Amino acid sequence: MANTPLHVHEHDDELFYVLEGEHVFRVGDDEFLVAPGGVVFAPRGVPHAQRRVVPTVGCLLVLTSPGGLEGFFRHLAEAHEAGTLGPEAYAEASERFGITWMG
């Protein structure tokens, strides 16, 4: 997962487990520097973002509840394969899966 801009989920809670690298997470007004083995929870309705400290080093395990958010990524992968990945595909997937991008 590359850097993720500030956004909010209408339907999904997210739990991030850092596998590799250091990451800075923003959840609401709080910011956390998290190393491997660390966990961050981002509840639905709360704006959150994440970035890698070293741009090319990092790996996260992301759990979501309830299930179904994987459809957002599947939609983008299908758009990529079809050669239509761009702002319209992101906007469509975001609306469909209740994601509002804030920055």
Protein backbone atom coordinates (compact mmCIF):
# COMPACT_ATOMS: atom_id res chain seq x y z
CA MET A 1 0.00 0.00 0.00
CA ALA A 2 1.42 3.36 -0.98
CA ASN A 3 0.61 6.58 0.82
CA THR A 4 -3.11 7.04 1.32
CA PRO A 5 -4.61 10.56 1.43
CA LEU A 6 -7.02 11.68 4.12
CA HIS A 7 -10.39 9.98 3.66
CA VAL A 8 -13.36 8.65 5.58
CA HIS A 9 -15.34 5.42 5.27
CA GLU A 10 -19.09 5.52 5.71
CA HIS A 11 -19.47 1.75 6.24
CA ASP A 12 -16.11 0.26 7.22
CA ASP A 13 -13.80 0.10 10.22
CA GLU A 14 -10.12 -0.52 9.39
CA LEU A 15 -7.37 -2.11 11.45
CA PHE A 16 -3.79 -1.67 10.22
CA TYR A 17 -1.01 -4.02 11.34
CA VAL A 18 2.46 -2.85 10.31
CA LEU A 19 4.52 -5.67 8.83
CA GLU A 20 7.47 -3.68 7.46
CA GLY A 21 8.80 -0.14 7.62
CA GLU A 22 7.66 2.82 9.66
CA HIS A 23 4.35 4.49 8.88
CA VAL A 24 2.71 7.70 10.05
CA PHE A 25 -1.03 7.33 10.58
CA ARG A 26 -3.47 10.14 11.12
CA VAL A 27 -6.76 9.14 12.73
CA GLY A 28 -9.01 12.08 13.47
CA ASP A 29 -6.82 14.74 15.07
CA ASP A 30 -4.21 12.23 16.32
CA GLU A 31 -1.02 11.20 14.54
CA PHE A 32 0.96 8.03 15.28
CA LEU A 33 4.41 6.83 14.18
CA VAL A 34 4.08 3.04 13.96
CA ALA A 35 6.85 0.46 13.49
CA PRO A 36 6.59 -3.26 12.63
CA GLY A 37 4.31 -5.07 15.06
CA GLY A 38 2.26 -1.94 15.76
CA VAL A 39 -1.48 -1.68 15.26
CA VAL A 40 -3.75 1.28 14.44
CA PHE A 41 -7.56 1.30 14.44
CA ALA A 42 -9.51 3.70 12.21
CA PRO A 43 -13.24 3.51 12.94
CA ARG A 44 -15.84 4.30 10.29
CA GLY A 45 -16.78 7.95 10.13
CA VAL A 46 -13.36 9.15 11.33
CA PRO A 47 -11.02 10.71 8.75
CA HIS A 48 -7.70 8.89 8.46
CA ALA A 49 -4.58 8.74 6.31
CA GLN A 50 -1.26 6.91 6.20
CA ARG A 51 2.15 7.47 4.73
CA ARG A 52 5.42 5.60 4.73
CA VAL A 53 8.36 7.26 6.46
CA VAL A 54 10.71 5.89 3.80
CA PRO A 55 8.72 6.09 0.53
CA THR A 56 9.80 2.72 -0.89
CA VAL A 57 9.79 0.69 2.35
CA GLY A 58 6.62 -0.57 3.95
CA CYS A 59 4.04 -3.30 4.11
CA LEU A 60 0.71 -3.37 5.94
CA LEU A 61 -1.89 -5.98 6.72
CA VAL A 62 -5.30 -4.28 6.61
CA LEU A 63 -8.42 -5.82 8.11
CA THR A 64 -11.84 -4.31 7.48
CA SER A 65 -15.21 -4.85 9.08
CA PRO A 66 -17.74 -5.61 7.83
CA GLY A 67 -16.46 -7.49 4.80
CA GLY A 68 -16.90 -6.14 1.29
CA LEU A 69 -14.36 -3.31 0.98
CA GLU A 70 -12.21 -5.62 -1.14
CA GLY A 71 -14.72 -4.83 -3.89
CA PHE A 72 -13.31 -1.28 -4.04
CA PHE A 73 -9.87 -2.64 -4.93
CA ARG A 74 -11.32 -5.23 -7.30
CA HIS A 75 -13.19 -2.46 -9.14
CA LEU A 76 -9.95 -0.46 -9.54
CA ALA A 77 -8.04 -3.56 -10.70
CA GLU A 78 -10.67 -4.24 -13.35
CA ALA A 79 -10.48 -0.62 -14.53
CA HIS A 80 -6.70 -0.93 -14.72
CA GLU A 81 -6.95 -4.10 -16.81
CA ALA A 82 -9.47 -2.41 -19.11
CA GLY A 83 -7.23 0.66 -19.50
CA THR A 84 -9.81 2.95 -17.88
CA LEU A 85 -8.15 3.54 -14.50
CA GLY A 86 -8.33 7.26 -13.76
CA PRO A 87 -10.25 9.85 -11.77
CA GLU A 88 -13.65 8.63 -13.02
CA ALA A 89 -12.96 5.03 -11.97
CA TYR A 90 -11.80 6.19 -8.51
CA ALA A 91 -14.86 8.43 -8.12
CA GLU A 92 -17.24 5.64 -9.13
CA ALA A 93 -15.64 3.08 -6.80
CA SER A 94 -15.47 5.57 -3.94
CA GLU A 95 -19.15 6.46 -4.25
CA ARG A 96 -20.16 2.81 -4.52
CA PHE A 97 -18.19 1.81 -1.40
CA GLY A 98 -18.89 4.89 0.76
CA ILE A 99 -15.44 6.50 0.70
CA THR A 100 -15.07 10.28 0.77
CA TRP A 101 -11.61 11.68 -0.09
CA MET A 102 -10.67 14.79 1.85
CA GLY A 103 -7.19 15.61 0.65
